[in-house]
Amino acid sequence: MARVGGNPEFGSKYRFDYGRDVPLTEQVKAQVYPDVKERLKKLADNKKCTVPDLVREALEQYLMREEETQAR
């Protein structure tokens, strides 16, 4: 039930824009060891980004490398 006095345009008119051409809509979950998580956090802090940003970058690099290998 909608809240009385709520904004009916919330979520359609007012959306966050993260500066991406294509919005992120899909999720992938991976479980890692605690030490790996801490290492990712430290690396993200050093690079001034987030852990999900690092993971997306690593996945993109991996996919590009694999696709290049399969194309040969």
PDB file of N, CA and C in Angstrom:
ATOM      1  N   MET A   1       0.841  -1.172   0.000  1.00  0.00           N
ATOM      2  CA  MET A   1       0.000   0.000   0.000  1.00  0.00           C
ATOM      3  C   MET A   1       0.888   1.238   0.000  1.00  0.00           C
ATOM      4  N   ALA A   2       0.572   2.165  -0.851  1.00  0.00           N
ATOM      5  CA  ALA A   2       1.352   3.396  -0.955  1.00  0.00           C
ATOM      6  C   ALA A   2       1.127   4.270   0.269  1.00  0.00           C
ATOM      7  N   ARG A   3       2.155   4.998   0.605  1.00  0.00           N
ATOM      8  CA  ARG A   3       2.070   5.910   1.735  1.00  0.00           C
ATOM      9  C   ARG A   3       1.234   7.116   1.326  1.00  0.00           C
ATOM     10  N   VAL A   4       0.320   7.512   2.177  1.00  0.00           N
ATOM     11  CA  VAL A   4      -0.508   8.686   1.915  1.00  0.00           C
ATOM     12  C   VAL A   4       0.401   9.911   1.837  1.00  0.00           C
ATOM     13  N   GLY A   5       0.270  10.663   0.777  1.00  0.00           N
ATOM     14  CA  GLY A   5       1.104  11.846   0.604  1.00  0.00           C
ATOM     15  C   GLY A   5       2.446  11.534  -0.020  1.00  0.00           C
ATOM     16  N   GLY A   6       2.674  10.275  -0.392  1.00  0.00           N
ATOM     17  CA  GLY A   6       3.939   9.888  -1.012  1.00  0.00           C
ATOM     18  C   GLY A   6       4.056  10.440  -2.425  1.00  0.00           C
ATOM     19  N   ASN A   7       5.243  10.397  -2.968  1.00  0.00           N
ATOM     20  CA  ASN A   7       5.493  10.917  -4.300  1.00  0.00           C
ATOM     21  C   ASN A   7       5.263   9.808  -5.327  1.00  0.00           C
ATOM     22  N   PRO A   8       4.240   9.905  -6.164  1.00  0.00           N
ATOM     23  CA  PRO A   8       3.966   8.838  -7.132  1.00  0.00           C
ATOM     24  C   PRO A   8       5.010   8.751  -8.243  1.00  0.00           C
ATOM     25  N   GLU A   9       5.818   9.817  -8.421  1.00  0.00           N
ATOM     26  CA  GLU A   9       6.838   9.809  -9.462  1.00  0.00           C
ATOM     27  C   GLU A   9       8.182   9.312  -8.952  1.00  0.00           C
ATOM     28  N   PHE A  10       8.267   8.970  -7.682  1.00  0.00           N
ATOM     29  CA  PHE A  10       9.524   8.494  -7.127  1.00  0.00           C
ATOM     30  C   PHE A  10       9.862   7.157  -7.783  1.00  0.00           C
ATOM     31  N   GLY A  11      11.058   7.028  -8.308  1.00  0.00           N
ATOM     32  CA  GLY A  11      11.475   5.795  -8.971  1.00  0.00           C
ATOM     33  C   GLY A  11      11.311   5.849 -10.469  1.00  0.00           C
ATOM     34  N   SER A  12      10.480   6.753 -10.960  1.00  0.00           N
ATOM     35  CA  SER A  12      10.362   6.909 -12.410  1.00  0.00           C
ATOM     36  C   SER A  12      10.957   8.246 -12.841  1.00  0.00           C
ATOM     37  N   LYS A  13      10.558   9.319 -12.196  1.00  0.00           N
ATOM     38  CA  LYS A  13      11.082  10.635 -12.544  1.00  0.00           C
ATOM     39  C   LYS A  13      12.397  10.920 -11.826  1.00  0.00           C
ATOM     40  N   TYR A  14      12.495  10.471 -10.590  1.00  0.00           N
ATOM     41  CA  TYR A  14      13.674  10.751  -9.778  1.00  0.00           C
ATOM     42  C   TYR A  14      14.508   9.484  -9.649  1.00  0.00           C
ATOM     43  N   ARG A  15      15.545   9.372 -10.464  1.00  0.00           N
ATOM     44  CA  ARG A  15      16.424   8.210 -10.443  1.00  0.00           C
ATOM     45  C   ARG A  15      17.857   8.679 -10.268  1.00  0.00           C
ATOM     46  N   PHE A  16      18.663   7.812  -9.679  1.00  0.00           N
ATOM     47  CA  PHE A  16      20.080   8.108  -9.555  1.00  0.00           C
ATOM     48  C   PHE A  16      20.745   7.920 -10.915  1.00  0.00           C
ATOM     49  N   ASP A  17      21.658   8.801 -11.242  1.00  0.00           N
ATOM     50  CA  ASP A  17      22.435   8.677 -12.474  1.00  0.00           C
ATOM     51  C   ASP A  17      23.885   8.494 -12.074  1.00  0.00           C
ATOM     52  N   TYR A  18      24.428   7.328 -12.336  1.00  0.00           N
ATOM     53  CA  TYR A  18      25.800   7.029 -11.945  1.00  0.00           C
ATOM     54  C   TYR A  18      26.784   7.302 -13.081  1.00  0.00           C
ATOM     55  N   GLY A  19      26.337   7.965 -14.143  1.00  0.00           N
ATOM     56  CA  GLY A  19      27.222   8.313 -15.231  1.00  0.00           C
ATOM     57  C   GLY A  19      27.528   7.172 -16.183  1.00  0.00           C
ATOM     58  N   ARG A  20      26.712   6.120 -16.164  1.00  0.00           N
ATOM     59  CA  ARG A  20      26.932   4.982 -17.058  1.00  0.00           C
ATOM     60  C   ARG A  20      26.015   5.097 -18.265  1.00  0.00           C
ATOM     61  N   ASP A  21      26.510   4.666 -19.423  1.00  0.00           N
ATOM     62  CA  ASP A  21      25.680   4.660 -20.626  1.00  0.00           C
ATOM     63  C   ASP A  21      24.569   3.623 -20.506  1.00  0.00           C
ATOM     64  N   VAL A  22      24.900   2.483 -19.941  1.00  0.00           N
ATOM     65  CA  VAL A  22      23.938   1.397 -19.760  1.00  0.00           C
ATOM     66  C   VAL A  22      23.816   1.132 -18.263  1.00  0.00           C
ATOM     67  N   PRO A  23      22.609   1.150 -17.727  1.00  0.00           N
ATOM     68  CA  PRO A  23      22.467   0.922 -16.281  1.00  0.00           C
ATOM     69  C   PRO A  23      22.806  -0.521 -15.892  1.00  0.00           C
ATOM     70  N   LEU A  24      23.283  -0.685 -14.679  1.00  0.00           N
ATOM     71  CA  LEU A  24      23.580  -2.016 -14.155  1.00  0.00           C
ATOM     72  C   LEU A  24      22.286  -2.612 -13.616  1.00  0.00           C
ATOM     73  N   THR A  25      21.843  -3.719 -14.220  1.00  0.00           N
ATOM     74  CA  THR A  25      20.568  -4.305 -13.820  1.00  0.00           C
ATOM     75  C   THR A  25      20.696  -5.744 -13.331  1.00  0.00           C
ATOM     76  N   GLU A  26      21.805  -6.393 -13.619  1.00  0.00           N
ATOM     77  CA  GLU A  26      21.964  -7.806 -13.286  1.00  0.00           C
ATOM     78  C   GLU A  26      22.928  -7.974 -12.127  1.00  0.00           C
ATOM     79  N   GLN A  27      22.723  -9.042 -11.356  1.00  0.00           N
ATOM     80  CA  GLN A  27      23.596  -9.342 -10.228  1.00  0.00           C
ATOM     81  C   GLN A  27      24.250 -10.698 -10.399  1.00  0.00           C
ATOM     82  N   VAL A  28      25.481 -10.796  -9.922  1.00  0.00           N
ATOM     83  CA  VAL A  28      26.215 -12.052  -9.857  1.00  0.00           C
ATOM     84  C   VAL A  28      26.793 -12.113  -8.455  1.00  0.00           C
ATOM     85  N   LYS A  29      26.625 -13.236  -7.796  1.00  0.00           N
ATOM     86  CA  LYS A  29      27.110 -13.359  -6.430  1.00  0.00           C
ATOM     87  C   LYS A  29      28.244 -14.380  -6.385  1.00  0.00           C
ATOM     88  N   ALA A  30      29.308 -14.019  -5.693  1.00  0.00           N
ATOM     89  CA  ALA A  30      30.430 -14.937  -5.513  1.00  0.00           C
ATOM     90  C   ALA A  30      30.865 -14.873  -4.055  1.00  0.00           C
ATOM     91  N   GLN A  31      31.102 -16.009  -3.471  1.00  0.00           N
ATOM     92  CA  GLN A  31      31.593 -16.048  -2.105  1.00  0.00           C
ATOM     93  C   GLN A  31      33.100 -16.222  -2.137  1.00  0.00           C
ATOM     94  N   VAL A  32      33.789 -15.448  -1.285  1.00  0.00           N
ATOM     95  CA  VAL A  32      35.243 -15.482  -1.231  1.00  0.00           C
ATOM     96  C   VAL A  32      35.684 -15.662   0.212  1.00  0.00           C
ATOM     97  N   TYR A  33      36.958 -16.006   0.381  1.00  0.00           N
ATOM     98  CA  TYR A  33      37.520 -16.143   1.717  1.00  0.00           C
ATOM     99  C   TYR A  33      37.657 -14.761   2.360  1.00  0.00           C
ATOM    100  N   PRO A  34      37.596 -14.684   3.677  1.00  0.00           N
ATOM    101  CA  PRO A  34      37.706 -13.393   4.361  1.00  0.00           C
ATOM    102  C   PRO A  34      38.977 -12.614   4.015  1.00  0.00           C
ATOM    103  N   ASP A  35      40.099 -13.317   3.848  1.00  0.00           N
ATOM    104  CA  ASP A  35      41.335 -12.598   3.522  1.00  0.00           C
ATOM    105  C   ASP A  35      41.278 -11.987   2.117  1.00  0.00           C
ATOM    106  N   VAL A  36      40.588 -12.644   1.198  1.00  0.00           N
ATOM    107  CA  VAL A  36      40.437 -12.099  -0.152  1.00  0.00           C
ATOM    108  C   VAL A  36      39.583 -10.835  -0.089  1.00  0.00           C
ATOM    109  N   LYS A  37      38.522 -10.874   0.708  1.00  0.00           N
ATOM    110  CA  LYS A  37      37.655  -9.700   0.854  1.00  0.00           C
ATOM    111  C   LYS A  37      38.432  -8.513   1.424  1.00  0.00           C
ATOM    112  N   GLU A  38      39.256  -8.759   2.433  1.00  0.00           N
ATOM    113  CA  GLU A  38      40.054  -7.690   3.032  1.00  0.00           C
ATOM    114  C   GLU A  38      41.048  -7.121   2.030  1.00  0.00           C
ATOM    115  N   ARG A  39      41.666  -7.991   1.246  1.00  0.00           N
ATOM    116  CA  ARG A  39      42.614  -7.530   0.224  1.00  0.00           C
ATOM    117  C   ARG A  39      41.905  -6.676  -0.824  1.00  0.00           C
ATOM    118  N   LEU A  40      40.696  -7.085  -1.210  1.00  0.00           N
ATOM    119  CA  LEU A  40      39.926  -6.300  -2.166  1.00  0.00           C
ATOM    120  C   LEU A  40      39.553  -4.933  -1.583  1.00  0.00           C
ATOM    121  N   LYS A  41      39.159  -4.922  -0.309  1.00  0.00           N
ATOM    122  CA  LYS A  41      38.813  -3.656   0.345  1.00  0.00           C
ATOM    123  C   LYS A  41      40.005  -2.708   0.376  1.00  0.00           C
ATOM    124  N   LYS A  42      41.178  -3.226   0.722  1.00  0.00           N
ATOM    125  CA  LYS A  42      42.381  -2.393   0.783  1.00  0.00           C
ATOM    126  C   LYS A  42      42.737  -1.853  -0.598  1.00  0.00           C
ATOM    127  N   LEU A  43      42.645  -2.706  -1.614  1.00  0.00           N
ATOM    128  CA  LEU A  43      42.945  -2.276  -2.969  1.00  0.00           C
ATOM    129  C   LEU A  43      41.951  -1.207  -3.440  1.00  0.00           C
ATOM    130  N   ALA A  44      40.687  -1.422  -3.132  1.00  0.00           N
ATOM    131  CA  ALA A  44      39.661  -0.437  -3.507  1.00  0.00           C
ATOM    132  C   ALA A  44      39.911   0.896  -2.810  1.00  0.00           C
ATOM    133  N   ASP A  45      40.280   0.862  -1.549  1.00  0.00           N
ATOM    134  CA  ASP A  45      40.593   2.099  -0.827  1.00  0.00           C
ATOM    135  C   ASP A  45      41.770   2.812  -1.476  1.00  0.00           C
ATOM    136  N   ASN A  46      42.795   2.061  -1.833  1.00  0.00           N
ATOM    137  CA  ASN A  46      43.976   2.659  -2.475  1.00  0.00           C
ATOM    138  C   ASN A  46      43.638   3.277  -3.830  1.00  0.00           C
ATOM    139  N   LYS A  47      42.739   2.626  -4.574  1.00  0.00           N
ATOM    140  CA  LYS A  47      42.365   3.114  -5.901  1.00  0.00           C
ATOM    141  C   LYS A  47      41.197   4.102  -5.848  1.00  0.00           C
ATOM    142  N   LYS A  48      40.689   4.350  -4.628  1.00  0.00           N
ATOM    143  CA  LYS A  48      39.555   5.256  -4.420  1.00  0.00           C
ATOM    144  C   LYS A  48      38.335   4.844  -5.257  1.00  0.00           C
ATOM    145  N   CYS A  49      37.999   3.568  -5.149  1.00  0.00           N
ATOM    146  CA  CYS A  49      36.814   3.053  -5.816  1.00  0.00           C
ATOM    147  C   CYS A  49      36.156   2.051  -4.864  1.00  0.00           C
ATOM    148  N   THR A  50      35.208   1.295  -5.345  1.00  0.00           N
ATOM    149  CA  THR A  50      34.529   0.307  -4.509  1.00  0.00           C
ATOM    150  C   THR A  50      34.953  -1.105  -4.917  1.00  0.00           C
ATOM    151  N   VAL A  51      34.695  -2.053  -4.037  1.00  0.00           N
ATOM    152  CA  VAL A  51      34.994  -3.458  -4.342  1.00  0.00           C
ATOM    153  C   VAL A  51      34.204  -3.912  -5.571  1.00  0.00           C
ATOM    154  N   PRO A  52      32.902  -3.593  -5.685  1.00  0.00           N
ATOM    155  CA  PRO A  52      32.193  -3.992  -6.901  1.00  0.00           C
ATOM    156  C   PRO A  52      32.806  -3.410  -8.179  1.00  0.00           C
ATOM    157  N   ASP A  53      33.344  -2.187  -8.098  1.00  0.00           N
ATOM    158  CA  ASP A  53      34.022  -1.617  -9.267  1.00  0.00           C
ATOM    159  C   ASP A  53      35.221  -2.468  -9.661  1.00  0.00           C
ATOM    160  N   LEU A  54      36.003  -2.899  -8.665  1.00  0.00           N
ATOM    161  CA  LEU A  54      37.163  -3.755  -8.940  1.00  0.00           C
ATOM    162  C   LEU A  54      36.739  -5.072  -9.568  1.00  0.00           C
ATOM    163  N   VAL A  55      35.692  -5.665  -9.026  1.00  0.00           N
ATOM    164  CA  VAL A  55      35.218  -6.960  -9.519  1.00  0.00           C
ATOM    165  C   VAL A  55      34.705  -6.827 -10.955  1.00  0.00           C
ATOM    166  N   ARG A  56      33.945  -5.753 -11.239  1.00  0.00           N
ATOM    167  CA  ARG A  56      33.463  -5.541 -12.608  1.00  0.00           C
ATOM    168  C   ARG A  56      34.631  -5.384 -13.573  1.00  0.00           C
ATOM    169  N   GLU A  57      35.637  -4.615 -13.167  1.00  0.00           N
ATOM    170  CA  GLU A  57      36.816  -4.411 -14.015  1.00  0.00           C
ATOM    171  C   GLU A  57      37.545  -5.738 -14.263  1.00  0.00           C
ATOM    172  N   ALA A  58      37.722  -6.531 -13.206  1.00  0.00           N
ATOM    173  CA  ALA A  58      38.412  -7.814 -13.340  1.00  0.00           C
ATOM    174  C   ALA A  58      37.625  -8.775 -14.234  1.00  0.00           C
ATOM    175  N   LEU A  59      36.313  -8.805 -14.081  1.00  0.00           N
ATOM    176  CA  LEU A  59      35.486  -9.672 -14.922  1.00  0.00           C
ATOM    177  C   LEU A  59      35.561  -9.250 -16.386  1.00  0.00           C
ATOM    178  N   GLU A  60      35.524  -7.952 -16.636  1.00  0.00           N
ATOM    179  CA  GLU A  60      35.603  -7.465 -18.012  1.00  0.00           C
ATOM    180  C   GLU A  60      36.940  -7.853 -18.641  1.00  0.00           C
ATOM    181  N   GLN A  61      38.039  -7.696 -17.907  1.00  0.00           N
ATOM    182  CA  GLN A  61      39.356  -8.080 -18.418  1.00  0.00           C
ATOM    183  C   GLN A  61      39.423  -9.578 -18.685  1.00  0.00           C
ATOM    184  N   TYR A  62      38.878 -10.369 -17.764  1.00  0.00           N
ATOM    185  CA  TYR A  62      38.879 -11.823 -17.934  1.00  0.00           C
ATOM    186  C   TYR A  62      38.088 -12.225 -19.181  1.00  0.00           C
ATOM    187  N   LEU A  63      36.902 -11.654 -19.346  1.00  0.00           N
ATOM    188  CA  LEU A  63      36.075 -11.993 -20.503  1.00  0.00           C
ATOM    189  C   LEU A  63      36.751 -11.603 -21.809  1.00  0.00           C
ATOM    190  N   MET A  64      37.365 -10.421 -21.841  1.00  0.00           N
ATOM    191  CA  MET A  64      38.066 -10.000 -23.057  1.00  0.00           C
ATOM    192  C   MET A  64      39.208 -10.954 -23.379  1.00  0.00           C
ATOM    193  N   ARG A  65      39.978 -11.371 -22.362  1.00  0.00           N
ATOM    194  CA  ARG A  65      41.088 -12.295 -22.572  1.00  0.00           C
ATOM    195  C   ARG A  65      40.586 -13.646 -23.070  1.00  0.00           C
ATOM    196  N   GLU A  66      39.514 -14.157 -22.474  1.00  0.00           N
ATOM    197  CA  GLU A  66      38.973 -15.449 -22.872  1.00  0.00           C
ATOM    198  C   GLU A  66      38.399 -15.399 -24.294  1.00  0.00           C
ATOM    199  N   GLU A  67      37.696 -14.323 -24.624  1.00  0.00           N
ATOM    200  CA  GLU A  67      37.134 -14.197 -25.963  1.00  0.00           C
ATOM    201  C   GLU A  67      38.226 -14.090 -27.010  1.00  0.00           C
ATOM    202  N   GLU A  68      39.315 -13.401 -26.662  1.00  0.00           N
ATOM    203  CA  GLU A  68      40.443 -13.294 -27.573  1.00  0.00           C
ATOM    204  C   GLU A  68      41.103 -14.650 -27.789  1.00  0.00           C
ATOM    205  N   THR A  69      41.226 -15.426 -26.731  1.00  0.00           N
ATOM    206  CA  THR A  69      41.821 -16.758 -26.815  1.00  0.00           C
ATOM    207  C   THR A  69      40.958 -17.683 -27.676  1.00  0.00           C
ATOM    208  N   GLN A  70      39.653 -17.607 -27.502  1.00  0.00           N
ATOM    209  CA  GLN A  70      38.755 -18.480 -28.265  1.00  0.00           C
ATOM    210  C   GLN A  70      38.676 -18.079 -29.731  1.00  0.00           C
ATOM    211  N   ALA A  71      38.943 -16.821 -30.033  1.00  0.00           N
ATOM    212  CA  ALA A  71      38.873 -16.355 -31.418  1.00  0.00           C
ATOM    213  C   ALA A  71      40.055 -16.861 -32.245  1.00  0.00           C
ATOM    214  N   ARG A  72      41.092 -17.295 -31.604  1.00  0.00           N
ATOM    215  CA  ARG A  72      42.290 -17.765 -32.331  1.00  0.00           C
ATOM    216  C   ARG A  72      42.090 -19.128 -32.910  1.00  0.00           C
TER     217      ARG A  72
END
